[in-house]
Amino acid sequence: WVRYAVRQKCAETLPLGGQDRLRALWCNYFPQTRGLIFVVDSSDPVRVDEARDELHRVLGDELLEGASLLVLANKQDMASSSNTLSVEQVASALELEAVVDREWYIQGTCARTG
């Protein structure tokens, strides 16, 4: 767990890995979750379909009802690569326009520089 203060409010985050064997455990951390941060590798378009399916599966869990969603489209620093998807392309590939039951936002990121 990572605990930090934001605007005098305490927040706790728990980074969960994306490997198949760990995904089955995610639901154990859903109770009382108010927000979900979902990180996508923008430089790996082959796995974006898998990420989309997993994201929508997770969002369908009743324990996450109403939880806000922040998608981080990581590796935007690799935009010069022909494989790297733009933030807009990631949003489209993840079918974020279909997410209408909660607030969501997508942000391009670079783990090296922010």
PDB file of N, CA and C in Angstrom:
ATOM      1  N   TRP A   1       0.839  -1.176   0.000  1.00  0.00           N
ATOM      2  CA  TRP A   1       0.000   0.000   0.000  1.00  0.00           C
ATOM      3  C   TRP A   1       0.881   1.234   0.000  1.00  0.00           C
ATOM      4  N   VAL A   2       0.455   2.236  -0.708  1.00  0.00           N
ATOM      5  CA  VAL A   2       1.127   3.525  -0.701  1.00  0.00           C
ATOM      6  C   VAL A   2       0.131   4.527  -0.149  1.00  0.00           C
ATOM      7  N   ARG A   3       0.515   5.235   0.904  1.00  0.00           N
ATOM      8  CA  ARG A   3      -0.369   6.219   1.523  1.00  0.00           C
ATOM      9  C   ARG A   3       0.239   7.599   1.311  1.00  0.00           C
ATOM     10  N   TYR A   4      -0.581   8.557   0.884  1.00  0.00           N
ATOM     11  CA  TYR A   4      -0.103   9.912   0.682  1.00  0.00           C
ATOM     12  C   TYR A   4      -1.240  10.895   0.912  1.00  0.00           C
ATOM     13  N   ALA A   5      -0.866  12.156   1.115  1.00  0.00           N
ATOM     14  CA  ALA A   5      -1.861  13.203   1.352  1.00  0.00           C
ATOM     15  C   ALA A   5      -1.980  14.092   0.124  1.00  0.00           C
ATOM     16  N   VAL A   6      -3.216  14.367  -0.239  1.00  0.00           N
ATOM     17  CA  VAL A   6      -3.509  15.253  -1.357  1.00  0.00           C
ATOM     18  C   VAL A   6      -4.537  16.253  -0.868  1.00  0.00           C
ATOM     19  N   ARG A   7      -4.171  17.528  -0.871  1.00  0.00           N
ATOM     20  CA  ARG A   7      -5.087  18.581  -0.406  1.00  0.00           C
ATOM     21  C   ARG A   7      -5.689  18.235   0.951  1.00  0.00           C
ATOM     22  N   GLN A   8      -4.849  17.855   1.857  1.00  0.00           N
ATOM     23  CA  GLN A   8      -5.210  17.542   3.242  1.00  0.00           C
ATOM     24  C   GLN A   8      -6.152  16.342   3.353  1.00  0.00           C
ATOM     25  N   LYS A   9      -6.193  15.490   2.341  1.00  0.00           N
ATOM     26  CA  LYS A   9      -6.974  14.262   2.396  1.00  0.00           C
ATOM     27  C   LYS A   9      -6.017  13.104   2.152  1.00  0.00           C
ATOM     28  N   CYS A  10      -6.236  12.054   2.885  1.00  0.00           N
ATOM     29  CA  CYS A  10      -5.381  10.879   2.781  1.00  0.00           C
ATOM     30  C   CYS A  10      -5.888   9.970   1.660  1.00  0.00           C
ATOM     31  N   ALA A  11      -4.970   9.456   0.889  1.00  0.00           N
ATOM     32  CA  ALA A  11      -5.309   8.498  -0.163  1.00  0.00           C
ATOM     33  C   ALA A  11      -4.405   7.287  -0.032  1.00  0.00           C
ATOM     34  N   GLU A  12      -4.952   6.147  -0.345  1.00  0.00           N
ATOM     35  CA  GLU A  12      -4.169   4.925  -0.347  1.00  0.00           C
ATOM     36  C   GLU A  12      -4.273   4.291  -1.726  1.00  0.00           C
ATOM     37  N   THR A  13      -3.153   3.831  -2.223  1.00  0.00           N
ATOM     38  CA  THR A  13      -3.152   3.141  -3.509  1.00  0.00           C
ATOM     39  C   THR A  13      -2.472   1.796  -3.346  1.00  0.00           C
ATOM     40  N   LEU A  14      -2.881   0.877  -4.152  1.00  0.00           N
ATOM     41  CA  LEU A  14      -2.284  -0.447  -4.156  1.00  0.00           C
ATOM     42  C   LEU A  14      -2.010  -0.818  -5.606  1.00  0.00           C
ATOM     43  N   PRO A  15      -0.742  -0.871  -5.994  1.00  0.00           N
ATOM     44  CA  PRO A  15      -0.430  -1.267  -7.374  1.00  0.00           C
ATOM     45  C   PRO A  15      -0.635  -2.767  -7.554  1.00  0.00           C
ATOM     46  N   LEU A  16      -1.442  -3.116  -8.526  1.00  0.00           N
ATOM     47  CA  LEU A  16      -1.705  -4.524  -8.821  1.00  0.00           C
ATOM     48  C   LEU A  16      -1.121  -4.840 -10.190  1.00  0.00           C
ATOM     49  N   GLY A  17      -0.406  -5.930 -10.283  1.00  0.00           N
ATOM     50  CA  GLY A  17       0.194  -6.336 -11.551  1.00  0.00           C
ATOM     51  C   GLY A  17      -0.848  -6.813 -12.542  1.00  0.00           C
ATOM     52  N   GLY A  18      -0.471  -6.852 -13.799  1.00  0.00           N
ATOM     53  CA  GLY A  18      -1.401  -7.229 -14.843  1.00  0.00           C
ATOM     54  C   GLY A  18      -1.272  -8.649 -15.344  1.00  0.00           C
ATOM     55  N   GLN A  19      -0.387  -9.439 -14.743  1.00  0.00           N
ATOM     56  CA  GLN A  19      -0.228 -10.813 -15.199  1.00  0.00           C
ATOM     57  C   GLN A  19      -1.515 -11.599 -14.952  1.00  0.00           C
ATOM     58  N   ASP A  20      -1.776 -12.544 -15.836  1.00  0.00           N
ATOM     59  CA  ASP A  20      -3.012 -13.339 -15.764  1.00  0.00           C
ATOM     60  C   ASP A  20      -3.259 -13.926 -14.379  1.00  0.00           C
ATOM     61  N   ARG A  21      -2.244 -14.496 -13.772  1.00  0.00           N
ATOM     62  CA  ARG A  21      -2.445 -15.179 -12.492  1.00  0.00           C
ATOM     63  C   ARG A  21      -2.797 -14.212 -11.364  1.00  0.00           C
ATOM     64  N   LEU A  22      -2.470 -12.930 -11.522  1.00  0.00           N
ATOM     65  CA  LEU A  22      -2.787 -11.941 -10.494  1.00  0.00           C
ATOM     66  C   LEU A  22      -4.174 -11.336 -10.668  1.00  0.00           C
ATOM     67  N   ARG A  23      -4.688 -11.345 -11.870  1.00  0.00           N
ATOM     68  CA  ARG A  23      -5.974 -10.702 -12.148  1.00  0.00           C
ATOM     69  C   ARG A  23      -7.121 -11.290 -11.340  1.00  0.00           C
ATOM     70  N   ALA A  24      -7.067 -12.576 -11.101  1.00  0.00           N
ATOM     71  CA  ALA A  24      -8.130 -13.229 -10.332  1.00  0.00           C
ATOM     72  C   ALA A  24      -8.195 -12.690  -8.907  1.00  0.00           C
ATOM     73  N   LEU A  25      -7.115 -12.108  -8.429  1.00  0.00           N
ATOM     74  CA  LEU A  25      -7.071 -11.582  -7.063  1.00  0.00           C
ATOM     75  C   LEU A  25      -7.544 -10.133  -6.960  1.00  0.00           C
ATOM     76  N   TRP A  26      -7.645  -9.441  -8.077  1.00  0.00           N
ATOM     77  CA  TRP A  26      -7.991  -8.020  -8.053  1.00  0.00           C
ATOM     78  C   TRP A  26      -9.264  -7.747  -7.277  1.00  0.00           C
ATOM     79  N   CYS A  27     -10.280  -8.582  -7.454  1.00  0.00           N
ATOM     80  CA  CYS A  27     -11.582  -8.317  -6.834  1.00  0.00           C
ATOM     81  C   CYS A  27     -11.505  -8.258  -5.307  1.00  0.00           C
ATOM     82  N   ASN A  28     -10.472  -8.837  -4.725  1.00  0.00           N
ATOM     83  CA  ASN A  28     -10.309  -8.765  -3.272  1.00  0.00           C
ATOM     84  C   ASN A  28     -10.030  -7.345  -2.795  1.00  0.00           C
ATOM     85  N   TYR A  29      -9.626  -6.479  -3.690  1.00  0.00           N
ATOM     86  CA  TYR A  29      -9.273  -5.101  -3.334  1.00  0.00           C
ATOM     87  C   TYR A  29     -10.337  -4.091  -3.764  1.00  0.00           C
ATOM     88  N   PHE A  30     -11.447  -4.547  -4.350  1.00  0.00           N
ATOM     89  CA  PHE A  30     -12.478  -3.652  -4.858  1.00  0.00           C
ATOM     90  C   PHE A  30     -13.358  -2.997  -3.789  1.00  0.00           C
ATOM     91  N   PRO A  31     -13.679  -3.678  -2.678  1.00  0.00           N
ATOM     92  CA  PRO A  31     -14.571  -3.026  -1.703  1.00  0.00           C
ATOM     93  C   PRO A  31     -14.010  -1.671  -1.252  1.00  0.00           C
ATOM     94  N   GLN A  32     -14.875  -0.686  -1.227  1.00  0.00           N
ATOM     95  CA  GLN A  32     -14.560   0.682  -0.803  1.00  0.00           C
ATOM     96  C   GLN A  32     -13.629   1.418  -1.762  1.00  0.00           C
ATOM     97  N   THR A  33     -13.443   0.885  -2.963  1.00  0.00           N
ATOM     98  CA  THR A  33     -12.626   1.572  -3.966  1.00  0.00           C
ATOM     99  C   THR A  33     -13.427   2.716  -4.562  1.00  0.00           C
ATOM    100  N   ARG A  34     -12.841   3.891  -4.578  1.00  0.00           N
ATOM    101  CA  ARG A  34     -13.536   5.074  -5.110  1.00  0.00           C
ATOM    102  C   ARG A  34     -12.936   5.539  -6.426  1.00  0.00           C
ATOM    103  N   GLY A  35     -11.782   4.995  -6.779  1.00  0.00           N
ATOM    104  CA  GLY A  35     -11.144   5.366  -8.034  1.00  0.00           C
ATOM    105  C   GLY A  35     -10.219   4.265  -8.498  1.00  0.00           C
ATOM    106  N   LEU A  36     -10.090   4.162  -9.798  1.00  0.00           N
ATOM    107  CA  LEU A  36      -9.253   3.144 -10.412  1.00  0.00           C
ATOM    108  C   LEU A  36      -8.293   3.840 -11.370  1.00  0.00           C
ATOM    109  N   ILE A  37      -7.013   3.533 -11.246  1.00  0.00           N
ATOM    110  CA  ILE A  37      -6.002   4.033 -12.174  1.00  0.00           C
ATOM    111  C   ILE A  37      -5.560   2.846 -13.014  1.00  0.00           C
ATOM    112  N   PHE A  38      -5.770   2.936 -14.312  1.00  0.00           N
ATOM    113  CA  PHE A  38      -5.488   1.845 -15.233  1.00  0.00           C
ATOM    114  C   PHE A  38      -4.384   2.303 -16.177  1.00  0.00           C
ATOM    115  N   VAL A  39      -3.245   1.631 -16.143  1.00  0.00           N
ATOM    116  CA  VAL A  39      -2.086   2.015 -16.947  1.00  0.00           C
ATOM    117  C   VAL A  39      -2.001   1.123 -18.179  1.00  0.00           C
ATOM    118  N   VAL A  40      -1.859   1.766 -19.338  1.00  0.00           N
ATOM    119  CA  VAL A  40      -1.786   1.050 -20.609  1.00  0.00           C
ATOM    120  C   VAL A  40      -0.464   1.391 -21.287  1.00  0.00           C
ATOM    121  N   ASP A  41       0.185   0.385 -21.833  1.00  0.00           N
ATOM    122  CA  ASP A  41       1.424   0.568 -22.581  1.00  0.00           C
ATOM    123  C   ASP A  41       1.063   0.999 -24.002  1.00  0.00           C
ATOM    124  N   SER A  42       1.235   2.278 -24.298  1.00  0.00           N
ATOM    125  CA  SER A  42       0.874   2.819 -25.609  1.00  0.00           C
ATOM    126  C   SER A  42       1.755   2.286 -26.730  1.00  0.00           C
ATOM    127  N   SER A  43       2.909   1.746 -26.378  1.00  0.00           N
ATOM    128  CA  SER A  43       3.836   1.260 -27.402  1.00  0.00           C
ATOM    129  C   SER A  43       3.597  -0.208 -27.751  1.00  0.00           C
ATOM    130  N   ASP A  44       2.568  -0.816 -27.175  1.00  0.00           N
ATOM    131  CA  ASP A  44       2.273  -2.222 -27.430  1.00  0.00           C
ATOM    132  C   ASP A  44       0.827  -2.389 -27.894  1.00  0.00           C
ATOM    133  N   PRO A  45       0.542  -1.981 -29.144  1.00  0.00           N
ATOM    134  CA  PRO A  45      -0.844  -2.017 -29.618  1.00  0.00           C
ATOM    135  C   PRO A  45      -1.434  -3.423 -29.676  1.00  0.00           C
ATOM    136  N   VAL A  46      -0.604  -4.440 -29.736  1.00  0.00           N
ATOM    137  CA  VAL A  46      -1.102  -5.806 -29.776  1.00  0.00           C
ATOM    138  C   VAL A  46      -1.840  -6.153 -28.479  1.00  0.00           C
ATOM    139  N   ARG A  47      -1.354  -5.644 -27.346  1.00  0.00           N
ATOM    140  CA  ARG A  47      -1.962  -5.970 -26.054  1.00  0.00           C
ATOM    141  C   ARG A  47      -3.090  -5.018 -25.656  1.00  0.00           C
ATOM    142  N   VAL A  48      -3.325  -3.977 -26.442  1.00  0.00           N
ATOM    143  CA  VAL A  48      -4.381  -3.024 -26.097  1.00  0.00           C
ATOM    144  C   VAL A  48      -5.754  -3.695 -26.125  1.00  0.00           C
ATOM    145  N   ASP A  49      -5.971  -4.622 -27.048  1.00  0.00           N
ATOM    146  CA  ASP A  49      -7.258  -5.334 -27.082  1.00  0.00           C
ATOM    147  C   ASP A  49      -7.468  -6.123 -25.793  1.00  0.00           C
ATOM    148  N   GLU A  50      -6.426  -6.771 -25.323  1.00  0.00           N
ATOM    149  CA  GLU A  50      -6.498  -7.504 -24.057  1.00  0.00           C
ATOM    150  C   GLU A  50      -6.773  -6.543 -22.903  1.00  0.00           C
ATOM    151  N   ALA A  51      -6.100  -5.387 -22.929  1.00  0.00           N
ATOM    152  CA  ALA A  51      -6.316  -4.372 -21.891  1.00  0.00           C
ATOM    153  C   ALA A  51      -7.753  -3.882 -21.918  1.00  0.00           C
ATOM    154  N   ARG A  52      -8.306  -3.661 -23.110  1.00  0.00           N
ATOM    155  CA  ARG A  52      -9.704  -3.222 -23.235  1.00  0.00           C
ATOM    156  C   ARG A  52     -10.650  -4.233 -22.605  1.00  0.00           C
ATOM    157  N   ASP A  53     -10.473  -5.496 -22.963  1.00  0.00           N
ATOM    158  CA  ASP A  53     -11.356  -6.532 -22.435  1.00  0.00           C
ATOM    159  C   ASP A  53     -11.267  -6.603 -20.916  1.00  0.00           C
ATOM    160  N   GLU A  54     -10.070  -6.516 -20.396  1.00  0.00           N
ATOM    161  CA  GLU A  54      -9.878  -6.609 -18.938  1.00  0.00           C
ATOM    162  C   GLU A  54     -10.451  -5.374 -18.239  1.00  0.00           C
ATOM    163  N   LEU A  55     -10.251  -4.204 -18.833  1.00  0.00           N
ATOM    164  CA  LEU A  55     -10.789  -2.976 -18.244  1.00  0.00           C
ATOM    165  C   LEU A  55     -12.309  -3.047 -18.152  1.00  0.00           C
ATOM    166  N   HIS A  56     -12.955  -3.431 -19.222  1.00  0.00           N
ATOM    167  CA  HIS A  56     -14.417  -3.478 -19.214  1.00  0.00           C
ATOM    168  C   HIS A  56     -14.941  -4.582 -18.297  1.00  0.00           C
ATOM    169  N   ARG A  57     -14.198  -5.680 -18.179  1.00  0.00           N
ATOM    170  CA  ARG A  57     -14.583  -6.731 -17.235  1.00  0.00           C
ATOM    171  C   ARG A  57     -14.541  -6.196 -15.807  1.00  0.00           C
ATOM    172  N   VAL A  58     -13.458  -5.496 -15.488  1.00  0.00           N
ATOM    173  CA  VAL A  58     -13.296  -4.941 -14.140  1.00  0.00           C
ATOM    174  C   VAL A  58     -14.368  -3.888 -13.858  1.00  0.00           C
ATOM    175  N   LEU A  59     -14.613  -3.022 -14.821  1.00  0.00           N
ATOM    176  CA  LEU A  59     -15.608  -1.967 -14.612  1.00  0.00           C
ATOM    177  C   LEU A  59     -17.016  -2.523 -14.441  1.00  0.00           C
ATOM    178  N   GLY A  60     -17.233  -3.744 -14.903  1.00  0.00           N
ATOM    179  CA  GLY A  60     -18.539  -4.376 -14.746  1.00  0.00           C
ATOM    180  C   GLY A  60     -18.780  -4.959 -13.367  1.00  0.00           C
ATOM    181  N   ASP A  61     -17.759  -4.981 -12.537  1.00  0.00           N
ATOM    182  CA  ASP A  61     -17.914  -5.531 -11.185  1.00  0.00           C
ATOM    183  C   ASP A  61     -18.722  -4.555 -10.335  1.00  0.00           C
ATOM    184  N   GLU A  62     -19.759  -5.063  -9.674  1.00  0.00           N
ATOM    185  CA  GLU A  62     -20.642  -4.193  -8.884  1.00  0.00           C
ATOM    186  C   GLU A  62     -19.914  -3.506  -7.736  1.00  0.00           C
ATOM    187  N   LEU A  63     -18.802  -4.079  -7.270  1.00  0.00           N
ATOM    188  CA  LEU A  63     -18.047  -3.449  -6.188  1.00  0.00           C
ATOM    189  C   LEU A  63     -17.350  -2.163  -6.638  1.00  0.00           C
ATOM    190  N   LEU A  64     -17.216  -1.988  -7.946  1.00  0.00           N
ATOM    191  CA  LEU A  64     -16.586  -0.770  -8.477  1.00  0.00           C
ATOM    192  C   LEU A  64     -17.620   0.217  -9.026  1.00  0.00           C
ATOM    193  N   GLU A  65     -18.879  -0.045  -8.752  1.00  0.00           N
ATOM    194  CA  GLU A  65     -19.933   0.833  -9.233  1.00  0.00           C
ATOM    195  C   GLU A  65     -19.689   2.265  -8.750  1.00  0.00           C
ATOM    196  N   GLY A  66     -19.646   3.188  -9.699  1.00  0.00           N
ATOM    197  CA  GLY A  66     -19.457   4.603  -9.379  1.00  0.00           C
ATOM    198  C   GLY A  66     -18.011   5.032  -9.185  1.00  0.00           C
ATOM    199  N   ALA A  67     -17.067   4.094  -9.165  1.00  0.00           N
ATOM    200  CA  ALA A  67     -15.666   4.471  -8.990  1.00  0.00           C
ATOM    201  C   ALA A  67     -15.175   5.212 -10.231  1.00  0.00           C
ATOM    202  N   SER A  68     -14.489   6.322 -10.023  1.00  0.00           N
ATOM    203  CA  SER A  68     -13.937   7.092 -11.135  1.00  0.00           C
ATOM    204  C   SER A  68     -12.791   6.314 -11.781  1.00  0.00           C
ATOM    205  N   LEU A  69     -12.525   6.627 -13.037  1.00  0.00           N
ATOM    206  CA  LEU A  69     -11.490   5.926 -13.795  1.00  0.00           C
ATOM    207  C   LEU A  69     -10.493   6.929 -14.367  1.00  0.00           C
ATOM    208  N   LEU A  70      -9.221   6.688 -14.101  1.00  0.00           N
ATOM    209  CA  LEU A  70      -8.135   7.439 -14.725  1.00  0.00           C
ATOM    210  C   LEU A  70      -7.309   6.451 -15.524  1.00  0.00           C
ATOM    211  N   VAL A  71      -7.207   6.666 -16.826  1.00  0.00           N
ATOM    212  CA  VAL A  71      -6.384   5.827 -17.688  1.00  0.00           C
ATOM    213  C   VAL A  71      -5.097   6.586 -17.987  1.00  0.00           C
ATOM    214  N   LEU A  72      -3.974   5.939 -17.719  1.00  0.00           N
ATOM    215  CA  LEU A  72      -2.670   6.517 -18.041  1.00  0.00           C
ATOM    216  C   LEU A  72      -2.138   5.811 -19.277  1.00  0.00           C
ATOM    217  N   ALA A  73      -2.063   6.553 -20.381  1.00  0.00           N
ATOM    218  CA  ALA A  73      -1.523   6.016 -21.630  1.00  0.00           C
ATOM    219  C   ALA A  73      -0.015   6.222 -21.578  1.00  0.00           C
ATOM    220  N   ASN A  74       0.688   5.232 -21.061  1.00  0.00           N
ATOM    221  CA  ASN A  74       2.118   5.348 -20.791  1.00  0.00           C
ATOM    222  C   ASN A  74       2.956   5.186 -22.060  1.00  0.00           C
ATOM    223  N   LYS A  75       4.197   5.595 -21.943  1.00  0.00           N
ATOM    224  CA  LYS A  75       5.214   5.520 -23.003  1.00  0.00           C
ATOM    225  C   LYS A  75       4.920   6.453 -24.177  1.00  0.00           C
ATOM    226  N   GLN A  76       4.307   7.592 -23.879  1.00  0.00           N
ATOM    227  CA  GLN A  76       4.058   8.572 -24.924  1.00  0.00           C
ATOM    228  C   GLN A  76       5.358   9.197 -25.429  1.00  0.00           C
ATOM    229  N   ASP A  77       6.456   9.003 -24.689  1.00  0.00           N
ATOM    230  CA  ASP A  77       7.756   9.486 -25.135  1.00  0.00           C
ATOM    231  C   ASP A  77       8.279   8.689 -26.325  1.00  0.00           C
ATOM    232  N   MET A  78       7.634   7.582 -26.618  1.00  0.00           N
ATOM    233  CA  MET A  78       8.049   6.744 -27.735  1.00  0.00           C
ATOM    234  C   MET A  78       7.195   7.024 -28.969  1.00  0.00           C
ATOM    235  N   ALA A  79       6.629   8.209 -29.028  1.00  0.00           N
ATOM    236  CA  ALA A  79       5.711   8.571 -30.116  1.00  0.00           C
ATOM    237  C   ALA A  79       6.368   8.506 -31.488  1.00  0.00           C
ATOM    238  N   SER A  80       7.687   8.587 -31.523  1.00  0.00           N
ATOM    239  CA  SER A  80       8.366   8.515 -32.814  1.00  0.00           C
ATOM    240  C   SER A  80       8.323   7.101 -33.392  1.00  0.00           C
ATOM    241  N   SER A  81       8.025   6.113 -32.550  1.00  0.00           N
ATOM    242  CA  SER A  81       7.892   4.737 -33.017  1.00  0.00           C
ATOM    243  C   SER A  81       6.568   4.593 -33.758  1.00  0.00           C
ATOM    244  N   SER A  82       6.591   3.891 -34.855  1.00  0.00           N
ATOM    245  CA  SER A  82       5.366   3.736 -35.651  1.00  0.00           C
ATOM    246  C   SER A  82       4.317   2.882 -34.931  1.00  0.00           C
ATOM    247  N   ASN A  83       4.722   2.139 -33.904  1.00  0.00           N
ATOM    248  CA  ASN A  83       3.780   1.293 -33.173  1.00  0.00           C
ATOM    249  C   ASN A  83       3.064   2.006 -32.045  1.00  0.00           C
ATOM    250  N   THR A  84       3.611   3.125 -31.572  1.00  0.00           N
ATOM    251  CA  THR A  84       3.055   3.794 -30.404  1.00  0.00           C
ATOM    252  C   THR A  84       1.740   4.477 -30.759  1.00  0.00           C
ATOM    253  N   LEU A  85       0.724   4.210 -29.942  1.00  0.00           N
ATOM    254  CA  LEU A  85      -0.589   4.817 -30.137  1.00  0.00           C
ATOM    255  C   LEU A  85      -0.653   6.166 -29.446  1.00  0.00           C
ATOM    256  N   SER A  86      -1.328   7.119 -30.057  1.00  0.00           N
ATOM    257  CA  SER A  86      -1.563   8.412 -29.422  1.00  0.00           C
ATOM    258  C   SER A  86      -2.590   8.228 -28.311  1.00  0.00           C
ATOM    259  N   VAL A  87      -2.735   9.239 -27.476  1.00  0.00           N
ATOM    260  CA  VAL A  87      -3.727   9.187 -26.396  1.00  0.00           C
ATOM    261  C   VAL A  87      -5.119   8.957 -26.983  1.00  0.00           C
ATOM    262  N   GLU A  88      -5.427   9.634 -28.079  1.00  0.00           N
ATOM    263  CA  GLU A  88      -6.734   9.478 -28.716  1.00  0.00           C
ATOM    264  C   GLU A  88      -6.930   8.056 -29.250  1.00  0.00           C
ATOM    265  N   GLN A  89      -5.871   7.487 -29.808  1.00  0.00           N
ATOM    266  CA  GLN A  89      -5.957   6.120 -30.319  1.00  0.00           C
ATOM    267  C   GLN A  89      -6.138   5.113 -29.182  1.00  0.00           C
ATOM    268  N   VAL A  90      -5.476   5.341 -28.049  1.00  0.00           N
ATOM    269  CA  VAL A  90      -5.647   4.466 -26.890  1.00  0.00           C
ATOM    270  C   VAL A  90      -7.085   4.555 -26.389  1.00  0.00           C
ATOM    271  N   ALA A  91      -7.618   5.783 -26.288  1.00  0.00           N
ATOM    272  CA  ALA A  91      -9.006   5.968 -25.830  1.00  0.00           C
ATOM    273  C   ALA A  91      -9.972   5.230 -26.751  1.00  0.00           C
ATOM    274  N   SER A  92      -9.745   5.319 -28.036  1.00  0.00           N
ATOM    275  CA  SER A  92     -10.605   4.639 -28.999  1.00  0.00           C
ATOM    276  C   SER A  92     -10.458   3.124 -28.889  1.00  0.00           C
ATOM    277  N   ALA A  93      -9.226   2.639 -28.790  1.00  0.00           N
ATOM    278  CA  ALA A  93      -8.979   1.199 -28.701  1.00  0.00           C
ATOM    279  C   ALA A  93      -9.568   0.606 -27.425  1.00  0.00           C
ATOM    280  N   LEU A  94      -9.563   1.377 -26.346  1.00  0.00           N
ATOM    281  CA  LEU A  94     -10.140   0.911 -25.081  1.00  0.00           C
ATOM    282  C   LEU A  94     -11.652   1.096 -25.026  1.00  0.00           C
ATOM    283  N   GLU A  95     -12.204   1.730 -26.066  1.00  0.00           N
ATOM    284  CA  GLU A  95     -13.648   1.994 -26.143  1.00  0.00           C
ATOM    285  C   GLU A  95     -14.136   2.773 -24.926  1.00  0.00           C
ATOM    286  N   LEU A  96     -13.392   3.813 -24.575  1.00  0.00           N
ATOM    287  CA  LEU A  96     -13.753   4.617 -23.408  1.00  0.00           C
ATOM    288  C   LEU A  96     -15.056   5.390 -23.610  1.00  0.00           C
ATOM    289  N   GLU A  97     -15.414   5.656 -24.863  1.00  0.00           N
ATOM    290  CA  GLU A  97     -16.674   6.366 -25.109  1.00  0.00           C
ATOM    291  C   GLU A  97     -17.872   5.550 -24.634  1.00  0.00           C
ATOM    292  N   ALA A  98     -17.688   4.244 -24.478  1.00  0.00           N
ATOM    293  CA  ALA A  98     -18.771   3.383 -23.998  1.00  0.00           C
ATOM    294  C   ALA A  98     -18.903   3.417 -22.477  1.00  0.00           C
ATOM    295  N   VAL A  99     -17.946   4.026 -21.809  1.00  0.00           N
ATOM    296  CA  VAL A  99     -17.983   4.117 -20.343  1.00  0.00           C
ATOM    297  C   VAL A  99     -18.811   5.342 -19.975  1.00  0.00           C
ATOM    298  N   VAL A 100     -20.077   5.124 -19.696  1.00  0.00           N
ATOM    299  CA  VAL A 100     -21.002   6.233 -19.437  1.00  0.00           C
ATOM    300  C   VAL A 100     -21.540   6.240 -18.011  1.00  0.00           C
ATOM    301  N   ASP A 101     -21.170   5.227 -17.233  1.00  0.00           N
ATOM    302  CA  ASP A 101     -21.725   5.110 -15.878  1.00  0.00           C
ATOM    303  C   ASP A 101     -20.800   5.647 -14.792  1.00  0.00           C
ATOM    304  N   ARG A 102     -19.734   6.342 -15.195  1.00  0.00           N
ATOM    305  CA  ARG A 102     -18.792   6.887 -14.219  1.00  0.00           C
ATOM    306  C   ARG A 102     -17.965   7.979 -14.893  1.00  0.00           C
ATOM    307  N   GLU A 103     -17.323   8.794 -14.073  1.00  0.00           N
ATOM    308  CA  GLU A 103     -16.405   9.789 -14.617  1.00  0.00           C
ATOM    309  C   GLU A 103     -15.121   9.086 -15.025  1.00  0.00           C
ATOM    310  N   TRP A 104     -14.548   9.500 -16.167  1.00  0.00           N
ATOM    311  CA  TRP A 104     -13.275   8.947 -16.587  1.00  0.00           C
ATOM    312  C   TRP A 104     -12.457  10.027 -17.285  1.00  0.00           C
ATOM    313  N   TYR A 105     -11.156   9.807 -17.276  1.00  0.00           N
ATOM    314  CA  TYR A 105     -10.227  10.721 -17.934  1.00  0.00           C
ATOM    315  C   TYR A 105      -9.034   9.904 -18.402  1.00  0.00           C
ATOM    316  N   ILE A 106      -8.478  10.273 -19.551  1.00  0.00           N
ATOM    317  CA  ILE A 106      -7.268   9.617 -20.047  1.00  0.00           C
ATOM    318  C   ILE A 106      -6.166  10.655 -20.148  1.00  0.00           C
ATOM    319  N   GLN A 107      -4.982  10.271 -19.698  1.00  0.00           N
ATOM    320  CA  GLN A 107      -3.828  11.177 -19.684  1.00  0.00           C
ATOM    321  C   GLN A 107      -2.621  10.455 -20.265  1.00  0.00           C
ATOM    322  N   GLY A 108      -1.961  11.107 -21.220  1.00  0.00           N
ATOM    323  CA  GLY A 108      -0.712  10.580 -21.735  1.00  0.00           C
ATOM    324  C   GLY A 108       0.383  10.766 -20.703  1.00  0.00           C
ATOM    325  N   THR A 109       1.244   9.765 -20.572  1.00  0.00           N
ATOM    326  CA  THR A 109       2.313   9.842 -19.589  1.00  0.00           C
ATOM    327  C   THR A 109       3.609   9.249 -20.139  1.00  0.00           C
ATOM    328  N   CYS A 110       4.670   9.564 -19.426  1.00  0.00           N
ATOM    329  CA  CYS A 110       5.983   8.985 -19.660  1.00  0.00           C
ATOM    330  C   CYS A 110       6.545   8.658 -18.291  1.00  0.00           C
ATOM    331  N   ALA A 111       6.734   7.373 -18.002  1.00  0.00           N
ATOM    332  CA  ALA A 111       7.193   6.977 -16.667  1.00  0.00           C
ATOM    333  C   ALA A 111       8.539   7.593 -16.309  1.00  0.00           C
ATOM    334  N   ARG A 112       9.346   7.917 -17.297  1.00  0.00           N
ATOM    335  CA  ARG A 112      10.673   8.480 -17.031  1.00  0.00           C
ATOM    336  C   ARG A 112      10.604   9.946 -16.597  1.00  0.00           C
ATOM    337  N   THR A 113       9.678  10.692 -17.194  1.00  0.00           N
ATOM    338  CA  THR A 113       9.668  12.137 -16.935  1.00  0.00           C
ATOM    339  C   THR A 113       8.339  12.638 -16.376  1.00  0.00           C
ATOM    340  N   GLY A 114       7.325  11.805 -16.346  1.00  0.00           N
ATOM    341  CA  GLY A 114       6.017  12.229 -15.873  1.00  0.00           C
ATOM    342  C   GLY A 114       5.157  12.590 -17.005  1.00  0.00           C
TER     343      GLY A 114
END
